[in-house]
C-alpha cells in the first residue's frame, strides 16, 4: 500500500520546508505540497510535526559475546527498541576471535542478524593479521559490501590490534576503497594501569576510569590518525570521549586530513562521578570503554560537535544486566563493558542539543542520520528525504515529552543510564521501508523484516585521496653512473 505523510515540515540536513511525502514500494516517490493520491493510500497526519530521515546508529553491538557473557539485546530486541526511538538503520560489528577466520565470523554474525527488524550493515573488526586476513578483507569488500573495518587499540591479550596490524590493515583498506574505524585507547597503558589500580586495593567500579584516563585515548587517537595519514586512508574514530582525542581530530582536519569523529550522548552528558556512587550496581552499570570523563570534557565535546569536528552520534549499544555485571564484583577489570541507548539517542540529542540551542534542527538530522550515511557510503539511499531514497522516516513532535525509564523502555536490559530524564521532542511515528512500524506508543514488526545493506566501496573521500596522492608521488633521483 502507498503511504502519504501529510502536512508536516520536512527537515533535511540542509533545509526545512512544508511538504507532503508520498511513499510506494519502500521508496519516496514524490515530495510536494497538497499531493493528491488514490483513495486507498494510507495517511499519516503530520500537522504541527517535523518529518525527518530515520536515524542511523553507526555503532551498535547486538548479541555480542564479550568478557565471558553475551550482550542481553539481540538483533530482534535491539533493533525493535531502535525503531521505537527513531533509529531505522544500524551498523553493527563483526568481531572475530583471535586467529578466527574472518569470513567465518562474518557469516556467524549474519546468522544472528537474520531476526533484525530494521535495516542493518556491518563493520568487520581486524583482530589479527596474515595473508588470509588480507584475502578475506577483499572478499568482504567486493562480494559482501563491507566498506569499513574496525580496529581495537585496547583489550590486550584479546582483540587488540597492535601497530603492525593497523599498518597492514590500513594499507589493505586503502587498496579496497574502505574506511578504517578505530577504538582509540592505548591497550598497553590500560593493561599496566589496571594492575597498578588493583595493587592499590581499588577493586570496585571506581577503578575503571582510573585505569583508562583521557591520556590513553588521546595518545591512541593521535597515533591512529598519523598512521592513517601515512597510509593515505580515511579514518573514523568511534566514541570520542575526551578533549584530547577531539583535539587530535580537529588538528588533523585543520591539516586537510580525512578524519571523522563519533560521539555518544552519554559522553556528552554524564561525568565520572557515576563510578563513585555507593551503590555498586549503579556504578557498575555505567562501566563502558572509554569511561565517562571528568566534568569539563562534556562541554568540549559539545563544542566539537557544533564546530563540525565531531560528525556522528552513536550509542555503542552493548547491554549487560546486573547479574552479568557482577562477574566483576571483586575485580573491576572483569565487569563486562557496555551500556545501552539505541532507543534513547535521538530523544536525548534533540532535548539537549536542539532545545538548548546547541544544534539546529538541520544539524540534528546531520549528526543523527545524514553524516553517517555519507561517511559509510549509504547516501542518498539513507539519511535524506529525497525522491528515490528509502522511505525511512520519522514524524517528530517537538512539543511532546516523555520520561526515560528502564520500566518503560524496550531495550532488553535492567538499567538505563538516562533514567528519570524528561525529554521534550519525541518520535511519534516510525516508518521503515515505507511501512508504519511504530505509532503513538505501539510497535508492530515482524521478526526478520530487516534488510542487510551492502555498501559501495570508494567513497568520494577515497577518490579525492587518490588524486591528491598521485600528484605527490616520490620519484627516484636519476644520477650519472659513477
Protein backbone atom coordinates (compact mmCIF):
# COMPACT_ATOMS: atom_id res chain seq x y z
CA UNK A 1 0.00 0.00 0.00
CA UNK A 2 1.16 3.53 -0.74
CA UNK A 3 1.73 5.82 2.24
CA UNK A 4 1.30 9.59 2.43
CA UNK A 5 2.82 11.64 5.24
CA UNK A 6 0.71 14.76 5.11
CA UNK A 7 1.14 18.34 6.27
CA UNK A 8 4.45 18.17 8.13
CA UNK A 9 7.64 20.17 7.92
CA UNK A 10 10.29 18.15 6.10
CA UNK A 11 13.68 18.54 7.79
CA UNK A 12 16.84 17.57 5.92
CA UNK A 13 20.40 18.45 6.85
CA UNK A 14 20.42 21.45 4.52
CA UNK A 15 16.92 22.95 4.73
CA UNK A 16 13.40 22.64 6.11
CA UNK A 17 10.15 23.10 4.17
CA UNK A 18 6.47 22.23 4.43
CA UNK A 19 5.53 19.32 2.17
CA UNK A 20 3.73 16.02 1.87
CA UNK A 21 5.82 12.89 1.32
CA UNK A 22 4.46 10.01 -0.76
CA UNK A 23 5.97 6.54 -0.42
CA UNK A 24 5.46 3.46 -2.58
CA UNK A 25 7.27 0.10 -2.63
CA UNK A 26 9.58 1.19 0.16
CA UNK A 27 10.80 4.32 -1.66
CA UNK A 28 9.98 8.02 -1.60
CA UNK A 29 8.26 8.75 -4.91
CA UNK A 30 7.01 12.33 -4.53
CA UNK A 31 7.53 15.37 -2.30
CA UNK A 32 5.37 18.48 -2.57
CA UNK A 33 2.50 20.47 -1.14
CA UNK A 34 -1.03 19.12 -1.33
CA UNK A 35 -0.15 15.91 -3.09
CA UNK A 36 -3.23 14.15 -4.49
CA UNK A 37 -3.43 10.37 -4.19
CA UNK A 38 -5.72 7.43 -4.77
CA UNK A 39 -8.38 6.59 -2.22
CA UNK A 40 -6.60 3.51 -0.87
CA UNK A 41 -3.46 5.38 0.23
CA UNK A 42 -2.66 5.16 3.96
CA UNK A 43 -2.48 8.64 5.50
CA UNK A 44 -0.15 9.70 8.31
CA UNK A 45 -1.15 13.10 9.67
CA UNK A 46 1.98 15.14 10.42
CA UNK A 47 0.31 18.51 11.05
CA UNK A 48 2.35 20.51 13.54
CA UNK A 49 5.16 17.97 13.43
CA UNK A 50 8.51 17.53 11.74
CA UNK A 51 9.22 14.82 9.18
CA UNK A 52 12.83 13.69 9.33
CA UNK A 53 15.03 10.93 7.88
CA UNK A 54 15.18 7.82 10.02
CA UNK A 55 18.10 7.75 12.41
CA UNK A 56 21.27 5.80 11.61
CA UNK A 57 23.21 4.40 14.56
CA UNK A 58 26.67 3.60 13.17
CA UNK A 59 27.89 1.81 16.30
CA UNK A 60 25.97 -1.00 18.00
CA UNK A 61 26.86 -4.39 19.48
CA UNK A 62 23.82 -6.65 19.43
CA UNK A 63 24.22 -10.14 20.86
CA UNK A 64 27.95 -9.58 21.36
CA UNK A 65 29.95 -12.32 23.12
CA UNK A 66 32.21 -10.32 25.42
CA UNK A 67 34.11 -10.80 28.67
CA UNK A 68 32.62 -14.19 29.43
CA UNK A 69 28.99 -13.36 28.68
CA UNK A 70 26.72 -12.21 25.83
CA UNK A 71 25.07 -8.79 25.43
CA UNK A 72 21.44 -9.00 26.53
CA UNK A 73 19.94 -7.25 23.48
CA UNK A 74 19.89 -9.43 20.39
CA UNK A 75 19.25 -8.24 16.85
CA UNK A 76 15.49 -8.54 17.32
CA UNK A 77 15.06 -6.77 20.66
CA UNK A 78 17.75 -4.21 19.94
CA UNK A 79 16.54 -3.12 16.50
CA UNK A 80 12.95 -3.16 17.76
CA UNK A 81 13.91 -0.73 20.53
CA UNK A 82 15.75 1.36 17.97
CA UNK A 83 12.65 1.69 15.79
CA UNK A 84 10.68 2.97 18.80
CA UNK A 85 13.29 5.68 19.33
CA UNK A 86 13.51 6.61 15.65
CA UNK A 87 16.57 4.63 14.55
CA UNK A 88 15.75 2.78 11.33
CA UNK A 89 19.28 1.59 10.42
CA UNK A 90 22.16 0.24 12.49
CA UNK A 91 25.73 -0.64 11.60
CA UNK A 92 26.85 -3.41 13.93
CA UNK A 93 30.25 -5.08 14.31
CA UNK A 94 31.56 -8.47 13.32
CA UNK A 95 34.32 -9.17 15.87
CA UNK A 96 36.36 -12.31 15.14
CA UNK A 97 38.16 -14.06 17.96
CA UNK A 98 41.96 -14.03 17.80
CA UNK A 99 43.04 -16.24 14.89
CA UNK A 100 39.43 -16.91 13.85
CA UNK A 101 38.72 -16.97 10.13
CA UNK A 102 37.32 -13.54 9.28
CA UNK A 103 34.75 -14.85 6.81
CA UNK A 104 33.57 -17.47 9.29
CA UNK A 105 32.94 -14.73 11.85
CA UNK A 106 31.10 -12.63 9.26
CA UNK A 107 28.72 -15.49 8.44
CA UNK A 108 28.13 -16.12 12.16
CA UNK A 109 27.04 -12.50 12.61
CA UNK A 110 24.88 -12.65 9.50
CA UNK A 111 23.07 -15.64 11.00
CA UNK A 112 22.46 -13.78 14.26
CA UNK A 113 21.19 -10.72 12.39
CA UNK A 114 18.51 -12.62 10.45
CA UNK A 115 15.99 -11.69 13.16
CA UNK A 116 16.60 -7.95 12.80
CA UNK A 117 13.50 -5.82 12.29
CA UNK A 118 15.41 -2.77 10.99
CA UNK A 119 17.91 -2.45 8.16
CA UNK A 120 21.46 -3.27 9.18
CA UNK A 121 25.02 -3.41 7.94
CA UNK A 122 28.37 -4.45 9.38
CA UNK A 123 31.80 -3.13 10.15
CA UNK A 124 34.26 -6.04 10.41
CA UNK A 125 36.99 -5.96 13.07
CA UNK A 126 40.55 -6.90 12.19
CA UNK A 127 41.88 -8.57 15.32
CA UNK A 128 44.95 -10.34 13.87
CA UNK A 129 46.93 -10.46 10.64
CA UNK A 130 48.30 -12.77 8.00
CA UNK A 131 47.78 -13.16 4.26
CA UNK A 132 44.43 -14.92 4.80
CA UNK A 133 43.07 -11.83 6.56
CA UNK A 134 44.09 -9.66 3.62
CA UNK A 135 42.33 -12.03 1.23
CA UNK A 136 39.22 -12.15 3.43
CA UNK A 137 39.04 -8.35 3.52
CA UNK A 138 38.92 -8.40 -0.27
CA UNK A 139 36.08 -10.91 -0.32
CA UNK A 140 34.13 -8.97 2.30
CA UNK A 141 34.57 -5.69 0.47
CA UNK A 142 33.98 -6.86 -3.08
CA UNK A 143 31.34 -9.56 -2.57
CA UNK A 144 29.57 -8.63 0.66
CA UNK A 145 29.53 -4.84 0.58
CA UNK A 146 31.68 -4.27 3.70
CA UNK A 147 33.33 -0.88 3.27
CA UNK A 148 34.59 -0.31 6.81
CA UNK A 149 37.00 -2.24 9.03
CA UNK A 150 37.30 -1.82 12.80
CA UNK A 151 40.48 -1.80 14.88
CA UNK A 152 40.53 -2.09 18.65
CA UNK A 153 43.66 -0.46 20.05
CA UNK A 154 42.54 -1.66 23.51
CA UNK A 155 41.83 -5.09 25.11
CA UNK A 156 45.34 -6.52 25.32
CA UNK A 157 45.55 -10.32 25.16
CA UNK A 158 42.17 -10.43 23.44
CA UNK A 159 41.19 -8.42 20.36
CA UNK A 160 43.75 -5.60 20.47
CA UNK A 161 45.33 -4.62 17.14
CA UNK A 162 48.97 -3.57 17.53
CA UNK A 163 50.73 -1.14 15.18
CA UNK A 164 51.73 -3.90 12.76
CA UNK A 165 48.09 -4.96 12.36
CA UNK A 166 47.00 -1.34 11.98
CA UNK A 167 49.54 -0.61 9.26
CA UNK A 168 48.79 -3.77 7.27
CA UNK A 169 45.03 -3.39 7.59
CA UNK A 170 45.03 0.34 6.80
CA UNK A 171 47.08 -0.29 3.66
CA UNK A 172 44.71 -3.06 2.54
CA UNK A 173 41.66 -0.88 3.25
CA UNK A 174 43.14 1.84 1.04
CA UNK A 175 43.56 -0.65 -1.81
CA UNK A 176 39.96 -1.82 -1.42
CA UNK A 177 38.40 1.62 -1.03
CA UNK A 178 37.25 1.02 2.54
CA UNK A 179 37.34 3.33 5.57
CA UNK A 180 39.20 2.42 8.77
CA UNK A 181 37.38 2.78 12.08
CA UNK A 182 39.29 2.81 15.36
CA UNK A 183 38.61 2.33 19.06
CA UNK A 184 41.38 4.59 20.32
CA UNK A 185 42.78 3.58 23.71
CA UNK A 186 46.39 2.58 24.34
CA UNK A 187 45.90 -1.06 25.33
CA UNK A 188 49.37 -1.47 26.79
CA UNK A 189 48.87 1.51 29.09
CA UNK A 190 45.39 0.37 30.10
CA UNK A 191 46.74 -3.10 30.98
CA UNK A 192 49.52 -1.62 33.13
CA UNK A 193 47.24 0.90 34.84
CA UNK A 194 44.68 -1.78 35.64
CA UNK A 195 47.35 -3.73 37.52
CA UNK A 196 48.50 -0.60 39.32
CA UNK A 197 44.97 0.30 40.43
CA UNK A 198 44.28 -3.23 41.66
CA UNK A 199 47.55 -3.18 43.62
CA UNK A 200 46.28 -0.01 45.33
CA UNK A 201 43.41 -2.10 46.70
CA UNK A 202 40.82 -0.49 44.43
CA UNK A 203 38.62 -3.29 43.07
CA UNK A 204 35.25 -1.53 42.57
CA UNK A 205 33.88 0.29 39.51
CA UNK A 206 35.68 3.48 40.58
CA UNK A 207 38.87 1.79 39.41
CA UNK A 208 37.64 1.65 35.82
CA UNK A 209 38.13 5.35 34.91
CA UNK A 210 41.39 5.43 36.88
CA UNK A 211 42.79 2.73 34.62
CA UNK A 212 41.63 4.45 31.42
CA UNK A 213 42.33 8.19 31.84
CA UNK A 214 41.83 10.60 28.94
CA UNK A 215 45.54 10.49 28.11
CA UNK A 216 45.38 6.84 26.96
CA UNK A 217 42.66 7.78 24.49
CA UNK A 218 44.41 10.92 23.31
CA UNK A 219 47.69 9.07 22.66
CA UNK A 220 45.96 6.32 20.70
CA UNK A 221 43.87 8.79 18.69
CA UNK A 222 46.98 10.72 17.66
CA UNK A 223 48.82 7.51 16.72
CA UNK A 224 45.93 6.10 14.67
CA UNK A 225 45.47 9.40 12.86
CA UNK A 226 49.17 9.60 11.97
CA UNK A 227 49.21 6.01 10.71
CA UNK A 228 46.13 6.75 8.57
CA UNK A 229 47.86 9.86 7.24
CA UNK A 230 50.93 7.90 6.18
CA UNK A 231 48.80 5.08 4.75
CA UNK A 232 46.68 7.66 2.90
CA UNK A 233 43.32 6.28 4.05
CA UNK A 234 40.22 7.92 5.61
CA UNK A 235 39.78 7.21 9.32
CA UNK A 236 36.79 7.30 11.66
CA UNK A 237 37.29 7.42 15.42
CA UNK A 238 34.47 5.82 17.38
CA UNK A 239 33.10 7.03 20.74
CA UNK A 240 35.33 10.11 21.09
CA UNK A 241 35.01 10.79 24.81
CA UNK A 242 37.55 13.40 25.84
CA UNK A 243 39.15 16.71 24.93
CA UNK A 244 42.46 15.08 23.97
CA UNK A 245 41.02 12.92 21.19
CA UNK A 246 38.59 15.61 20.00
CA UNK A 247 41.53 17.99 19.68
CA UNK A 248 43.54 15.37 17.78
CA UNK A 249 40.71 15.10 15.25
CA UNK A 250 40.44 18.89 14.96
CA UNK A 251 44.19 19.27 14.35
CA UNK A 252 44.20 16.62 11.65
CA UNK A 253 41.20 18.10 9.89
CA UNK A 254 42.76 21.56 10.03
CA UNK A 255 45.72 19.98 8.26
CA UNK A 256 43.46 18.69 5.48
CA UNK A 257 43.26 15.05 6.61
CA UNK A 258 40.14 12.93 6.01
CA UNK A 259 39.30 12.23 9.66
CA UNK A 260 35.87 11.77 11.24
CA UNK A 261 34.77 11.61 14.86
CA UNK A 262 31.82 9.93 16.56
CA UNK A 263 30.42 10.87 19.96
CA UNK A 264 27.92 9.17 22.28
CA UNK A 265 25.12 11.03 24.10
CA UNK A 266 26.42 9.54 27.36
CA UNK A 267 29.82 11.15 26.90
CA UNK A 268 28.12 14.47 26.18
CA UNK A 269 26.03 14.37 29.36
CA UNK A 270 27.49 12.15 32.10
CA UNK A 271 30.71 12.51 34.09
CA UNK A 272 32.87 10.10 36.05
CA UNK A 273 31.09 10.76 39.37
CA UNK A 274 28.77 7.86 38.47
CA UNK A 275 31.59 5.42 39.24
CA UNK A 276 31.89 6.66 42.83
CA UNK A 277 28.24 6.02 43.69
CA UNK A 278 27.97 3.94 46.90
CA UNK A 279 25.59 1.54 45.11
CA UNK A 280 27.92 -0.97 43.40
CA UNK A 281 25.27 -1.99 40.85
CA UNK A 282 24.59 1.61 39.86
CA UNK A 283 28.29 2.32 39.42
CA UNK A 284 28.95 -0.91 37.54
CA UNK A 285 26.03 -0.29 35.18
CA UNK A 286 27.99 2.68 33.83
CA UNK A 287 31.18 0.73 33.14
CA UNK A 288 31.98 1.10 29.46
CA UNK A 289 35.08 1.94 27.48
CA UNK A 290 36.11 4.65 27.15
CA UNK A 291 34.58 5.58 30.52
CA UNK A 292 32.61 8.72 31.29
CA UNK A 293 35.05 11.55 31.83
CA UNK A 294 35.69 14.19 34.50
CA UNK A 295 33.46 17.26 34.38
CA UNK A 296 34.57 19.68 31.66
CA UNK A 297 35.17 17.20 28.86
CA UNK A 298 31.45 17.13 28.08
CA UNK A 299 31.24 20.79 27.12
CA UNK A 300 34.36 20.44 24.98
CA UNK A 301 32.72 17.56 23.07
CA UNK A 302 29.56 19.63 22.53
CA UNK A 303 31.67 22.42 21.05
CA UNK A 304 33.50 19.96 18.79
CA UNK A 305 30.13 18.66 17.57
CA UNK A 306 28.90 22.20 16.93
CA UNK A 307 32.14 23.10 15.14
CA UNK A 308 31.89 20.12 12.80
CA UNK A 309 34.94 18.28 14.12
CA UNK A 310 32.72 15.53 15.50
CA UNK A 311 30.30 14.29 12.89
CA UNK A 312 28.04 11.50 14.10
CA UNK A 313 26.22 10.43 17.23
CA UNK A 314 26.08 6.74 18.04
CA UNK A 315 25.36 4.62 21.10
CA UNK A 316 27.93 1.80 21.28
CA UNK A 317 24.78 -0.05 22.40
CA UNK A 318 26.04 -3.10 24.31
CA UNK A 319 23.77 -4.06 27.18
CA UNK A 320 24.60 -6.22 30.18
CA UNK A 321 22.22 -6.79 33.09
CA UNK A 322 23.23 -6.60 36.74
CA UNK A 323 23.89 -10.36 37.18
CA UNK A 324 26.26 -10.14 34.21
CA UNK A 325 27.98 -7.02 35.54
CA UNK A 326 28.51 -8.89 38.82
CA UNK A 327 31.04 -11.12 37.12
CA UNK A 328 33.40 -8.36 38.22
CA UNK A 329 32.07 -7.75 41.71
CA UNK A 330 35.56 -8.24 43.23
CA UNK A 331 37.59 -7.02 40.25
CA UNK A 332 36.55 -4.06 38.08
CA UNK A 333 38.58 -5.41 35.14
CA UNK A 334 36.07 -8.28 34.88
CA UNK A 335 32.93 -6.12 34.73
CA UNK A 336 31.51 -6.51 31.20
CA UNK A 337 31.97 -3.19 29.42
CA UNK A 338 28.84 -1.67 27.90
CA UNK A 339 25.74 0.48 28.28
CA UNK A 340 22.51 0.89 26.31
CA UNK A 341 21.00 3.77 24.39
CA UNK A 342 19.73 2.74 20.94
CA UNK A 343 16.18 3.69 21.95
CA UNK A 344 17.09 6.99 23.58
CA UNK A 345 19.82 8.54 21.40
CA UNK A 346 17.51 10.63 19.19
CA UNK A 347 15.40 11.96 22.07
CA UNK A 348 18.39 12.82 24.25
CA UNK A 349 20.18 14.58 21.38
CA UNK A 350 17.09 16.61 20.48
CA UNK A 351 16.37 17.65 24.05
CA UNK A 352 19.94 18.59 24.99
CA UNK A 353 21.02 19.66 21.51
CA UNK A 354 18.16 21.40 19.73
CA UNK A 355 16.17 22.57 22.75
CA UNK A 356 19.31 24.07 24.29
CA UNK A 357 20.30 25.89 21.10
CA UNK A 358 23.49 23.87 20.66
CA UNK A 359 22.14 22.36 17.42
CA UNK A 360 19.67 23.49 14.81
CA UNK A 361 17.03 21.01 13.64
CA UNK A 362 19.00 20.58 10.42
CA UNK A 363 22.24 19.92 12.31
CA UNK A 364 20.35 17.37 14.39
CA UNK A 365 19.44 15.48 11.22
CA UNK A 366 23.06 15.66 10.09
CA UNK A 367 24.55 14.21 13.28
CA UNK A 368 21.89 11.54 13.83
CA UNK A 369 21.49 10.34 10.24
CA UNK A 370 22.92 12.12 7.20
CA UNK A 371 26.59 12.28 8.16
CA UNK A 372 26.70 8.57 8.94
CA UNK A 373 25.05 7.82 5.60
CA UNK A 374 27.66 9.91 3.80
CA UNK A 375 30.71 8.62 5.66
CA UNK A 376 29.74 4.97 5.18
CA UNK A 377 28.53 5.45 1.59
CA UNK A 378 24.82 4.85 2.16
CA UNK A 379 23.83 8.34 0.96
CA UNK A 380 21.44 9.20 -0.68
CA UNK A 381 19.75 5.84 -0.20
CA UNK A 382 19.65 6.68 3.52
CA UNK A 383 19.94 9.88 5.51
CA UNK A 384 17.79 12.19 3.39
CA UNK A 385 14.19 12.80 2.36
CA UNK A 386 14.52 12.84 -1.41
CA UNK A 387 12.70 11.21 -4.30
CA UNK A 388 14.30 7.81 -4.84
CA UNK A 389 15.60 7.45 -1.29
CA UNK A 390 14.46 4.69 1.05
CA UNK A 391 11.21 5.52 2.82
CA UNK A 392 12.74 5.53 6.32
CA UNK A 393 11.04 8.47 8.01
CA UNK A 394 10.08 9.86 11.40
CA UNK A 395 7.20 12.05 12.45
CA UNK A 396 8.61 14.10 15.31
CA UNK A 397 6.51 16.13 17.73
CA UNK A 398 8.76 18.91 19.12
CA UNK A 399 6.24 19.80 21.85
CA UNK A 400 5.51 16.34 23.22
CA UNK A 401 7.58 14.92 26.08
CA UNK A 402 8.32 11.68 27.87
CA UNK A 403 10.37 10.44 30.80
CA UNK A 404 13.07 7.88 30.07
CA UNK A 405 12.97 4.83 32.33
CA UNK A 406 14.01 1.20 32.44
CA UNK A 407 10.41 0.48 33.46
CA UNK A 408 9.07 1.59 30.08
CA UNK A 409 11.94 1.24 27.61
CA UNK A 410 12.01 -1.56 25.04
CA UNK A 411 15.72 -2.32 25.44
CA UNK A 412 16.36 -5.73 26.99
CA UNK A 413 18.33 -4.50 29.99
CA UNK A 414 17.56 -3.73 33.62
CA UNK A 415 19.18 -0.28 33.71
CA UNK A 416 19.09 2.96 31.77
CA UNK A 417 21.91 5.49 32.04
CA UNK A 418 19.37 8.28 31.32
CA UNK A 419 16.93 7.07 34.00
CA UNK A 420 14.42 9.75 35.01
CA UNK A 421 15.43 12.22 32.29
CA UNK A 422 12.43 14.13 30.94
CA UNK A 423 12.88 14.90 27.26
CA UNK A 424 10.80 17.25 25.13
CA UNK A 425 10.61 16.46 21.44
CA UNK A 426 9.77 12.83 20.74
CA UNK A 427 9.25 10.41 17.90
CA UNK A 428 5.55 9.61 17.42
CA UNK A 429 5.67 7.62 14.15
CA UNK A 430 8.44 5.50 12.66
CA UNK A 431 8.25 4.49 9.01
CA UNK A 432 10.68 1.81 7.87
CA UNK A 433 10.81 0.59 4.27
CA UNK A 434 7.65 2.61 3.61
CA UNK A 435 5.72 0.83 6.37
CA UNK A 436 4.41 2.30 9.63
CA UNK A 437 6.09 0.18 12.28
CA UNK A 438 5.62 2.42 15.33
CA UNK A 439 2.80 4.84 16.05
CA UNK A 440 1.73 6.55 19.26
CA UNK A 441 3.47 4.14 21.59
CA UNK A 442 2.68 0.89 19.78
CA UNK A 443 5.31 -1.11 17.91
CA UNK A 444 4.27 -3.68 15.31
CA UNK A 445 7.04 -5.50 13.46
CA UNK A 446 7.65 -8.92 12.01
CA UNK A 447 10.86 -10.62 13.11
CA UNK A 448 13.36 -10.79 10.28
CA UNK A 449 11.97 -7.90 8.20
CA UNK A 450 15.28 -6.03 8.37
CA UNK A 451 17.45 -5.98 5.25
CA UNK A 452 21.21 -6.36 5.03
CA UNK A 453 22.74 -3.30 3.38
CA UNK A 454 25.71 -3.71 1.10
CA UNK A 455 27.72 -0.50 1.00
CA UNK A 456 29.65 0.64 -2.08
CA UNK A 457 33.42 0.96 -2.00
CA UNK A 458 35.47 4.04 -2.90
CA UNK A 459 33.60 6.93 -1.40
CA UNK A 460 34.28 10.48 -2.51
CA UNK A 461 36.97 10.67 0.20
CA UNK A 462 38.90 7.79 -1.34
CA UNK A 463 38.71 9.24 -4.82
CA UNK A 464 39.94 12.60 -3.59
CA UNK A 465 42.83 10.99 -1.70
CA UNK A 466 43.83 9.02 -4.78
CA UNK A 467 44.04 12.20 -6.87
CA UNK A 468 45.86 14.10 -4.15
CA UNK A 469 48.47 11.40 -3.55
CA UNK A 470 49.01 10.75 -7.27
CA UNK A 471 50.30 14.30 -7.65
CA UNK A 472 52.76 13.88 -4.82
CA UNK A 473 54.36 10.53 -5.56
CA UNK A 474 58.06 10.49 -4.83
CA UNK A 475 60.31 9.59 -7.74
CA UNK A 476 63.85 8.22 -7.74
CA UNK A 477 66.67 10.64 -8.42
CA UNK A 478 68.41 9.98 -11.75
CA UNK A 479 72.17 10.04 -11.34
CA UNK A 480 75.07 9.64 -13.75
CA UNK A 481 76.87 6.32 -13.43
CA UNK A 482 79.88 6.65 -11.16
